[in-house]
Amino acid sequence: MVVRQPRYSKEEFCRRGDYIYQTQVRPLVEAANHGRIVAIDIETGDFELADDILNATNSLFERLPNAQPWIVRIGHRAVHRFGARSLKQHV
């Protein structure tokens, strides 16, 4: 098993990931992939698309074993949702 270590502070990781997603990746993937996961290497800008985090990151690591992956759910502000969901009652 390969143990990967982050090479950047959390702030730098976030800054790089957001910048690459907004400027390079988002224009290429957003229209046809709403809700899918994109794993982006914050050093190269290479990325992989999948329906879940594990498949996206595994595909990225297959191509780039030393990748530093930033994960985004396309069209959403967060990858995961925490807490209770609001329920609508139909009358």
PDB file of N, CA and C in Angstrom:
ATOM      1  N   MET A   1       0.831  -1.182   0.000  1.00  0.00           N
ATOM      2  CA  MET A   1       0.000   0.000   0.000  1.00  0.00           C
ATOM      3  C   MET A   1       0.875   1.246   0.000  1.00  0.00           C
ATOM      4  N   VAL A   2       0.565   2.167  -0.864  1.00  0.00           N
ATOM      5  CA  VAL A   2       1.323   3.408  -0.975  1.00  0.00           C
ATOM      6  C   VAL A   2       0.756   4.438  -0.002  1.00  0.00           C
ATOM      7  N   VAL A   3       1.621   5.038   0.792  1.00  0.00           N
ATOM      8  CA  VAL A   3       1.205   6.097   1.700  1.00  0.00           C
ATOM      9  C   VAL A   3       1.586   7.432   1.065  1.00  0.00           C
ATOM     10  N   ARG A   4       0.578   8.235   0.768  1.00  0.00           N
ATOM     11  CA  ARG A   4       0.814   9.534   0.128  1.00  0.00           C
ATOM     12  C   ARG A   4       0.718  10.631   1.173  1.00  0.00           C
ATOM     13  N   GLN A   5       1.592  11.596   1.062  1.00  0.00           N
ATOM     14  CA  GLN A   5       1.612  12.706   1.999  1.00  0.00           C
ATOM     15  C   GLN A   5       1.347  14.012   1.259  1.00  0.00           C
ATOM     16  N   PRO A   6       0.555  14.910   1.861  1.00  0.00           N
ATOM     17  CA  PRO A   6       0.360  16.214   1.234  1.00  0.00           C
ATOM     18  C   PRO A   6       1.666  16.996   1.238  1.00  0.00           C
ATOM     19  N   ARG A   7       1.895  17.732   0.171  1.00  0.00           N
ATOM     20  CA  ARG A   7       3.110  18.531   0.056  1.00  0.00           C
ATOM     21  C   ARG A   7       2.838  20.028   0.211  1.00  0.00           C
ATOM     22  N   TYR A   8       1.600  20.372   0.542  1.00  0.00           N
ATOM     23  CA  TYR A   8       1.213  21.777   0.643  1.00  0.00           C
ATOM     24  C   TYR A   8       0.387  21.986   1.904  1.00  0.00           C
ATOM     25  N   SER A   9       0.350  23.213   2.378  1.00  0.00           N
ATOM     26  CA  SER A   9      -0.528  23.531   3.508  1.00  0.00           C
ATOM     27  C   SER A   9      -1.977  23.400   3.047  1.00  0.00           C
ATOM     28  N   LYS A  10      -2.901  23.301   3.974  1.00  0.00           N
ATOM     29  CA  LYS A  10      -4.314  23.203   3.622  1.00  0.00           C
ATOM     30  C   LYS A  10      -4.764  24.417   2.819  1.00  0.00           C
ATOM     31  N   GLU A  11      -4.279  25.578   3.199  1.00  0.00           N
ATOM     32  CA  GLU A  11      -4.654  26.812   2.508  1.00  0.00           C
ATOM     33  C   GLU A  11      -4.145  26.828   1.065  1.00  0.00           C
ATOM     34  N   GLU A  12      -2.897  26.417   0.871  1.00  0.00           N
ATOM     35  CA  GLU A  12      -2.317  26.388  -0.470  1.00  0.00           C
ATOM     36  C   GLU A  12      -2.983  25.310  -1.325  1.00  0.00           C
ATOM     37  N   PHE A  13      -3.277  24.173  -0.717  1.00  0.00           N
ATOM     38  CA  PHE A  13      -3.966  23.087  -1.406  1.00  0.00           C
ATOM     39  C   PHE A  13      -5.312  23.590  -1.933  1.00  0.00           C
ATOM     40  N   CYS A  14      -6.067  24.237  -1.073  1.00  0.00           N
ATOM     41  CA  CYS A  14      -7.380  24.771  -1.426  1.00  0.00           C
ATOM     42  C   CYS A  14      -7.261  25.853  -2.504  1.00  0.00           C
ATOM     43  N   ARG A  15      -6.313  26.761  -2.348  1.00  0.00           N
ATOM     44  CA  ARG A  15      -6.131  27.846  -3.313  1.00  0.00           C
ATOM     45  C   ARG A  15      -5.825  27.280  -4.693  1.00  0.00           C
ATOM     46  N   ARG A  16      -4.890  26.356  -4.766  1.00  0.00           N
ATOM     47  CA  ARG A  16      -4.515  25.758  -6.047  1.00  0.00           C
ATOM     48  C   ARG A  16      -5.676  24.972  -6.662  1.00  0.00           C
ATOM     49  N   GLY A  17      -6.331  24.151  -5.847  1.00  0.00           N
ATOM     50  CA  GLY A  17      -7.431  23.340  -6.347  1.00  0.00           C
ATOM     51  C   GLY A  17      -8.569  24.179  -6.892  1.00  0.00           C
ATOM     52  N   ASP A  18      -8.991  25.189  -6.136  1.00  0.00           N
ATOM     53  CA  ASP A  18     -10.068  26.068  -6.596  1.00  0.00           C
ATOM     54  C   ASP A  18      -9.686  26.807  -7.871  1.00  0.00           C
ATOM     55  N   TYR A  19      -8.473  27.309  -7.910  1.00  0.00           N
ATOM     56  CA  TYR A  19      -8.031  28.071  -9.083  1.00  0.00           C
ATOM     57  C   TYR A  19      -8.023  27.203 -10.340  1.00  0.00           C
ATOM     58  N   ILE A  20      -7.447  26.008 -10.239  1.00  0.00           N
ATOM     59  CA  ILE A  20      -7.380  25.121 -11.406  1.00  0.00           C
ATOM     60  C   ILE A  20      -8.783  24.710 -11.840  1.00  0.00           C
ATOM     61  N   TYR A  21      -9.649  24.398 -10.866  1.00  0.00           N
ATOM     62  CA  TYR A  21     -11.010  24.002 -11.235  1.00  0.00           C
ATOM     63  C   TYR A  21     -11.727  25.145 -11.955  1.00  0.00           C
ATOM     64  N   GLN A  22     -11.691  26.336 -11.377  1.00  0.00           N
ATOM     65  CA  GLN A  22     -12.433  27.462 -11.948  1.00  0.00           C
ATOM     66  C   GLN A  22     -11.894  27.906 -13.307  1.00  0.00           C
ATOM     67  N   THR A  23     -10.585  27.898 -13.480  1.00  0.00           N
ATOM     68  CA  THR A  23     -10.003  28.460 -14.704  1.00  0.00           C
ATOM     69  C   THR A  23      -9.762  27.445 -15.812  1.00  0.00           C
ATOM     70  N   GLN A  24      -9.486  26.190 -15.469  1.00  0.00           N
ATOM     71  CA  GLN A  24      -9.107  25.214 -16.490  1.00  0.00           C
ATOM     72  C   GLN A  24     -10.105  24.074 -16.665  1.00  0.00           C
ATOM     73  N   VAL A  25     -10.592  23.522 -15.557  1.00  0.00           N
ATOM     74  CA  VAL A  25     -11.390  22.297 -15.619  1.00  0.00           C
ATOM     75  C   VAL A  25     -12.883  22.578 -15.773  1.00  0.00           C
ATOM     76  N   ARG A  26     -13.411  23.492 -14.998  1.00  0.00           N
ATOM     77  CA  ARG A  26     -14.853  23.768 -15.012  1.00  0.00           C
ATOM     78  C   ARG A  26     -15.404  24.041 -16.414  1.00  0.00           C
ATOM     79  N   PRO A  27     -14.753  24.898 -17.213  1.00  0.00           N
ATOM     80  CA  PRO A  27     -15.300  25.147 -18.555  1.00  0.00           C
ATOM     81  C   PRO A  27     -15.371  23.889 -19.433  1.00  0.00           C
ATOM     82  N   LEU A  28     -14.544  22.903 -19.149  1.00  0.00           N
ATOM     83  CA  LEU A  28     -14.523  21.677 -19.954  1.00  0.00           C
ATOM     84  C   LEU A  28     -15.548  20.636 -19.513  1.00  0.00           C
ATOM     85  N   VAL A  29     -15.910  20.643 -18.228  1.00  0.00           N
ATOM     86  CA  VAL A  29     -16.705  19.527 -17.706  1.00  0.00           C
ATOM     87  C   VAL A  29     -18.103  19.881 -17.216  1.00  0.00           C
ATOM     88  N   GLU A  30     -18.358  21.129 -16.880  1.00  0.00           N
ATOM     89  CA  GLU A  30     -19.580  21.449 -16.146  1.00  0.00           C
ATOM     90  C   GLU A  30     -20.873  21.169 -16.921  1.00  0.00           C
ATOM     91  N   ALA A  31     -20.927  21.488 -18.182  1.00  0.00           N
ATOM     92  CA  ALA A  31     -22.185  21.389 -18.931  1.00  0.00           C
ATOM     93  C   ALA A  31     -22.766  19.981 -18.968  1.00  0.00           C
ATOM     94  N   ALA A  32     -21.958  18.970 -19.143  1.00  0.00           N
ATOM     95  CA  ALA A  32     -22.480  17.615 -19.355  1.00  0.00           C
ATOM     96  C   ALA A  32     -22.265  16.661 -18.189  1.00  0.00           C
ATOM     97  N   ASN A  33     -21.742  17.146 -17.060  1.00  0.00           N
ATOM     98  CA  ASN A  33     -21.367  16.224 -15.981  1.00  0.00           C
ATOM     99  C   ASN A  33     -21.873  16.636 -14.610  1.00  0.00           C
ATOM    100  N   HIS A  34     -23.007  17.324 -14.546  1.00  0.00           N
ATOM    101  CA  HIS A  34     -23.545  17.796 -13.267  1.00  0.00           C
ATOM    102  C   HIS A  34     -23.685  16.634 -12.275  1.00  0.00           C
ATOM    103  N   GLY A  35     -23.136  16.820 -11.076  1.00  0.00           N
ATOM    104  CA  GLY A  35     -23.225  15.812 -10.025  1.00  0.00           C
ATOM    105  C   GLY A  35     -22.112  14.785 -10.018  1.00  0.00           C
ATOM    106  N   ARG A  36     -21.324  14.711 -11.079  1.00  0.00           N
ATOM    107  CA  ARG A  36     -20.205  13.765 -11.123  1.00  0.00           C
ATOM    108  C   ARG A  36     -19.030  14.337 -10.332  1.00  0.00           C
ATOM    109  N   ILE A  37     -18.047  13.500 -10.083  1.00  0.00           N
ATOM    110  CA  ILE A  37     -16.850  13.872  -9.332  1.00  0.00           C
ATOM    111  C   ILE A  37     -15.691  14.094 -10.290  1.00  0.00           C
ATOM    112  N   VAL A  38     -14.924  15.146 -10.031  1.00  0.00           N
ATOM    113  CA  VAL A  38     -13.681  15.372 -10.770  1.00  0.00           C
ATOM    114  C   VAL A  38     -12.546  15.421  -9.742  1.00  0.00           C
ATOM    115  N   ALA A  39     -11.501  14.650 -10.004  1.00  0.00           N
ATOM    116  CA  ALA A  39     -10.286  14.653  -9.181  1.00  0.00           C
ATOM    117  C   ALA A  39      -9.207  15.358  -9.995  1.00  0.00           C
ATOM    118  N   ILE A  40      -8.663  16.437  -9.441  1.00  0.00           N
ATOM    119  CA  ILE A  40      -7.698  17.280 -10.147  1.00  0.00           C
ATOM    120  C   ILE A  40      -6.363  17.232  -9.428  1.00  0.00           C
ATOM    121  N   ASP A  41      -5.289  16.979 -10.159  1.00  0.00           N
ATOM    122  CA  ASP A  41      -3.950  17.071  -9.578  1.00  0.00           C
ATOM    123  C   ASP A  41      -3.582  18.548  -9.507  1.00  0.00           C
ATOM    124  N   ILE A  42      -3.344  19.053  -8.303  1.00  0.00           N
ATOM    125  CA  ILE A  42      -3.092  20.488  -8.131  1.00  0.00           C
ATOM    126  C   ILE A  42      -1.710  20.919  -8.612  1.00  0.00           C
ATOM    127  N   GLU A  43      -0.882  19.977  -8.997  1.00  0.00           N
ATOM    128  CA  GLU A  43       0.442  20.327  -9.525  1.00  0.00           C
ATOM    129  C   GLU A  43       0.460  20.386 -11.043  1.00  0.00           C
ATOM    130  N   THR A  44      -0.284  19.519 -11.706  1.00  0.00           N
ATOM    131  CA  THR A  44      -0.240  19.457 -13.169  1.00  0.00           C
ATOM    132  C   THR A  44      -1.505  19.973 -13.840  1.00  0.00           C
ATOM    133  N   GLY A  45      -2.635  19.981 -13.115  1.00  0.00           N
ATOM    134  CA  GLY A  45      -3.908  20.355 -13.710  1.00  0.00           C
ATOM    135  C   GLY A  45      -4.599  19.191 -14.409  1.00  0.00           C
ATOM    136  N   ASP A  46      -3.953  18.015 -14.466  1.00  0.00           N
ATOM    137  CA  ASP A  46      -4.591  16.833 -15.048  1.00  0.00           C
ATOM    138  C   ASP A  46      -5.772  16.436 -14.167  1.00  0.00           C
ATOM    139  N   PHE A  47      -6.803  15.846 -14.780  1.00  0.00           N
ATOM    140  CA  PHE A  47      -7.976  15.474 -13.998  1.00  0.00           C
ATOM    141  C   PHE A  47      -8.626  14.221 -14.544  1.00  0.00           C
ATOM    142  N   GLU A  48      -9.448  13.611 -13.695  1.00  0.00           N
ATOM    143  CA  GLU A  48     -10.227  12.426 -14.047  1.00  0.00           C
ATOM    144  C   GLU A  48     -11.661  12.632 -13.577  1.00  0.00           C
ATOM    145  N   LEU A  49     -12.617  12.185 -14.377  1.00  0.00           N
ATOM    146  CA  LEU A  49     -14.039  12.234 -14.045  1.00  0.00           C
ATOM    147  C   LEU A  49     -14.532  10.849 -13.675  1.00  0.00           C
ATOM    148  N   ALA A  50     -15.444  10.784 -12.711  1.00  0.00           N
ATOM    149  CA  ALA A  50     -16.077   9.514 -12.349  1.00  0.00           C
ATOM    150  C   ALA A  50     -17.372   9.815 -11.604  1.00  0.00           C
ATOM    151  N   ASP A  51     -18.111   8.775 -11.296  1.00  0.00           N
ATOM    152  CA  ASP A  51     -19.353   8.939 -10.561  1.00  0.00           C
ATOM    153  C   ASP A  51     -19.140   8.960  -9.055  1.00  0.00           C
ATOM    154  N   ASP A  52     -17.947   8.590  -8.599  1.00  0.00           N
ATOM    155  CA  ASP A  52     -17.657   8.612  -7.167  1.00  0.00           C
ATOM    156  C   ASP A  52     -16.190   8.979  -6.933  1.00  0.00           C
ATOM    157  N   ILE A  53     -15.875   9.340  -5.709  1.00  0.00           N
ATOM    158  CA  ILE A  53     -14.542   9.816  -5.344  1.00  0.00           C
ATOM    159  C   ILE A  53     -13.487   8.740  -5.551  1.00  0.00           C
ATOM    160  N   LEU A  54     -13.776   7.529  -5.118  1.00  0.00           N
ATOM    161  CA  LEU A  54     -12.788   6.451  -5.195  1.00  0.00           C
ATOM    162  C   LEU A  54     -12.354   6.186  -6.632  1.00  0.00           C
ATOM    163  N   ASN A  55     -13.298   6.084  -7.544  1.00  0.00           N
ATOM    164  CA  ASN A  55     -12.935   5.826  -8.934  1.00  0.00           C
ATOM    165  C   ASN A  55     -12.202   6.994  -9.570  1.00  0.00           C
ATOM    166  N   ALA A  56     -12.609   8.216  -9.240  1.00  0.00           N
ATOM    167  CA  ALA A  56     -11.929   9.390  -9.801  1.00  0.00           C
ATOM    168  C   ALA A  56     -10.486   9.473  -9.317  1.00  0.00           C
ATOM    169  N   THR A  57     -10.268   9.304  -8.022  1.00  0.00           N
ATOM    170  CA  THR A  57      -8.900   9.407  -7.498  1.00  0.00           C
ATOM    171  C   THR A  57      -8.045   8.215  -7.917  1.00  0.00           C
ATOM    172  N   ASN A  58      -8.625   7.019  -7.938  1.00  0.00           N
ATOM    173  CA  ASN A  58      -7.850   5.855  -8.387  1.00  0.00           C
ATOM    174  C   ASN A  58      -7.392   6.018  -9.827  1.00  0.00           C
ATOM    175  N   SER A  59      -8.256   6.520 -10.698  1.00  0.00           N
ATOM    176  CA  SER A  59      -7.877   6.753 -12.093  1.00  0.00           C
ATOM    177  C   SER A  59      -6.769   7.793 -12.200  1.00  0.00           C
ATOM    178  N   LEU A  60      -6.869   8.839 -11.380  1.00  0.00           N
ATOM    179  CA  LEU A  60      -5.830   9.867 -11.386  1.00  0.00           C
ATOM    180  C   LEU A  60      -4.504   9.281 -10.901  1.00  0.00           C
ATOM    181  N   PHE A  61      -4.527   8.489  -9.823  1.00  0.00           N
ATOM    182  CA  PHE A  61      -3.300   7.878  -9.298  1.00  0.00           C
ATOM    183  C   PHE A  61      -2.702   6.854 -10.261  1.00  0.00           C
ATOM    184  N   GLU A  62      -3.520   6.207 -11.061  1.00  0.00           N
ATOM    185  CA  GLU A  62      -2.987   5.268 -12.059  1.00  0.00           C
ATOM    186  C   GLU A  62      -2.115   6.009 -13.071  1.00  0.00           C
ATOM    187  N   ARG A  63      -2.564   7.198 -13.472  1.00  0.00           N
ATOM    188  CA  ARG A  63      -1.795   7.986 -14.445  1.00  0.00           C
ATOM    189  C   ARG A  63      -0.675   8.772 -13.782  1.00  0.00           C
ATOM    190  N   LEU A  64      -0.949   9.280 -12.577  1.00  0.00           N
ATOM    191  CA  LEU A  64       0.011  10.130 -11.867  1.00  0.00           C
ATOM    192  C   LEU A  64       0.158   9.631 -10.431  1.00  0.00           C
ATOM    193  N   PRO A  65       1.043   8.680 -10.176  1.00  0.00           N
ATOM    194  CA  PRO A  65       1.162   8.088  -8.839  1.00  0.00           C
ATOM    195  C   PRO A  65       1.450   9.092  -7.719  1.00  0.00           C
ATOM    196  N   ASN A  66       2.058  10.222  -8.039  1.00  0.00           N
ATOM    197  CA  ASN A  66       2.370  11.217  -7.012  1.00  0.00           C
ATOM    198  C   ASN A  66       1.411  12.401  -7.025  1.00  0.00           C
ATOM    199  N   ALA A  67       0.236  12.216  -7.597  1.00  0.00           N
ATOM    200  CA  ALA A  67      -0.742  13.302  -7.690  1.00  0.00           C
ATOM    201  C   ALA A  67      -1.144  13.815  -6.314  1.00  0.00           C
ATOM    202  N   GLN A  68      -1.513  15.084  -6.277  1.00  0.00           N
ATOM    203  CA  GLN A  68      -2.060  15.729  -5.088  1.00  0.00           C
ATOM    204  C   GLN A  68      -3.510  16.093  -5.457  1.00  0.00           C
ATOM    205  N   PRO A  69      -4.470  15.175  -5.235  1.00  0.00           N
ATOM    206  CA  PRO A  69      -5.815  15.364  -5.781  1.00  0.00           C
ATOM    207  C   PRO A  69      -6.699  16.327  -4.991  1.00  0.00           C
ATOM    208  N   TRP A  70      -7.337  17.220  -5.727  1.00  0.00           N
ATOM    209  CA  TRP A  70      -8.382  18.119  -5.232  1.00  0.00           C
ATOM    210  C   TRP A  70      -9.691  17.575  -5.808  1.00  0.00           C
ATOM    211  N   ILE A  71     -10.694  17.383  -4.966  1.00  0.00           N
ATOM    212  CA  ILE A  71     -11.936  16.734  -5.368  1.00  0.00           C
ATOM    213  C   ILE A  71     -13.072  17.750  -5.419  1.00  0.00           C
ATOM    214  N   VAL A  72     -13.847  17.714  -6.505  1.00  0.00           N
ATOM    215  CA  VAL A  72     -14.994  18.612  -6.674  1.00  0.00           C
ATOM    216  C   VAL A  72     -16.178  17.809  -7.188  1.00  0.00           C
ATOM    217  N   ARG A  73     -17.364  18.077  -6.630  1.00  0.00           N
ATOM    218  CA  ARG A  73     -18.606  17.546  -7.214  1.00  0.00           C
ATOM    219  C   ARG A  73     -19.109  18.629  -8.154  1.00  0.00           C
ATOM    220  N   ILE A  74     -19.175  18.330  -9.418  1.00  0.00           N
ATOM    221  CA  ILE A  74     -19.488  19.312 -10.452  1.00  0.00           C
ATOM    222  C   ILE A  74     -20.901  19.868 -10.259  1.00  0.00           C
ATOM    223  N   GLY A  75     -20.973  21.200 -10.212  1.00  0.00           N
ATOM    224  CA  GLY A  75     -22.248  21.880 -10.056  1.00  0.00           C
ATOM    225  C   GLY A  75     -22.713  22.037  -8.632  1.00  0.00           C
ATOM    226  N   HIS A  76     -21.885  21.648  -7.651  1.00  0.00           N
ATOM    227  CA  HIS A  76     -22.239  21.744  -6.232  1.00  0.00           C
ATOM    228  C   HIS A  76     -21.156  22.505  -5.481  1.00  0.00           C
ATOM    229  N   ARG A  77     -21.538  23.078  -4.343  1.00  0.00           N
ATOM    230  CA  ARG A  77     -20.556  23.799  -3.539  1.00  0.00           C
ATOM    231  C   ARG A  77     -19.703  22.872  -2.693  1.00  0.00           C
ATOM    232  N   ALA A  78     -20.196  21.663  -2.428  1.00  0.00           N
ATOM    233  CA  ALA A  78     -19.454  20.713  -1.594  1.00  0.00           C
ATOM    234  C   ALA A  78     -19.550  19.314  -2.194  1.00  0.00           C
ATOM    235  N   VAL A  79     -18.581  18.487  -1.853  1.00  0.00           N
ATOM    236  CA  VAL A  79     -18.589  17.106  -2.339  1.00  0.00           C
ATOM    237  C   VAL A  79     -19.632  16.294  -1.586  1.00  0.00           C
ATOM    238  N   HIS A  80     -19.724  16.506  -0.260  1.00  0.00           N
ATOM    239  CA  HIS A  80     -20.669  15.773   0.578  1.00  0.00           C
ATOM    240  C   HIS A  80     -21.628  16.732   1.256  1.00  0.00           C
ATOM    241  N   ARG A  81     -22.784  16.215   1.638  1.00  0.00           N
ATOM    242  CA  ARG A  81     -23.767  16.991   2.387  1.00  0.00           C
ATOM    243  C   ARG A  81     -23.797  16.441   3.809  1.00  0.00           C
ATOM    244  N   PHE A  82     -23.773  17.325   4.797  1.00  0.00           N
ATOM    245  CA  PHE A  82     -23.801  16.920   6.198  1.00  0.00           C
ATOM    246  C   PHE A  82     -25.097  17.404   6.831  1.00  0.00           C
ATOM    247  N   GLY A  83     -25.592  16.685   7.827  1.00  0.00           N
ATOM    248  CA  GLY A  83     -26.786  17.106   8.541  1.00  0.00           C
ATOM    249  C   GLY A  83     -28.055  16.594   7.882  1.00  0.00           C
ATOM    250  N   ALA A  84     -29.161  16.950   8.501  1.00  0.00           N
ATOM    251  CA  ALA A  84     -30.463  16.514   8.005  1.00  0.00           C
ATOM    252  C   ALA A  84     -30.856  17.281   6.759  1.00  0.00           C
ATOM    253  N   ARG A  85     -31.527  16.611   5.882  1.00  0.00           N
ATOM    254  CA  ARG A  85     -32.051  17.262   4.689  1.00  0.00           C
ATOM    255  C   ARG A  85     -33.436  17.802   5.008  1.00  0.00           C
ATOM    256  N   SER A  86     -33.765  18.919   4.407  1.00  0.00           N
ATOM    257  CA  SER A  86     -35.108  19.450   4.629  1.00  0.00           C
ATOM    258  C   SER A  86     -36.116  18.583   3.896  1.00  0.00           C
ATOM    259  N   LEU A  87     -37.201  18.324   4.544  1.00  0.00           N
ATOM    260  CA  LEU A  87     -38.235  17.480   3.966  1.00  0.00           C
ATOM    261  C   LEU A  87     -39.426  18.349   3.608  1.00  0.00           C
ATOM    262  N   LYS A  88     -39.943  18.152   2.417  1.00  0.00           N
ATOM    263  CA  LYS A  88     -41.138  18.874   1.988  1.00  0.00           C
ATOM    264  C   LYS A  88     -42.326  17.942   2.166  1.00  0.00           C
ATOM    265  N   GLN A  89     -43.359  18.448   2.783  1.00  0.00           N
ATOM    266  CA  GLN A  89     -44.565  17.666   2.924  1.00  0.00           C
ATOM    267  C   GLN A  89     -45.560  18.103   1.850  1.00  0.00           C
ATOM    268  N   HIS A  90     -46.128  17.136   1.217  1.00  0.00           N
ATOM    269  CA  HIS A  90     -47.123  17.427   0.199  1.00  0.00           C
ATOM    270  C   HIS A  90     -48.493  17.272   0.815  1.00  0.00           C
ATOM    271  N   VAL A  91     -49.312  18.258   0.650  1.00  0.00           N
ATOM    272  CA  VAL A  91     -50.662  18.220   1.223  1.00  0.00           C
ATOM    273  C   VAL A  91     -51.661  17.808   0.182  1.00  0.00           C
TER     274      VAL A  91
END
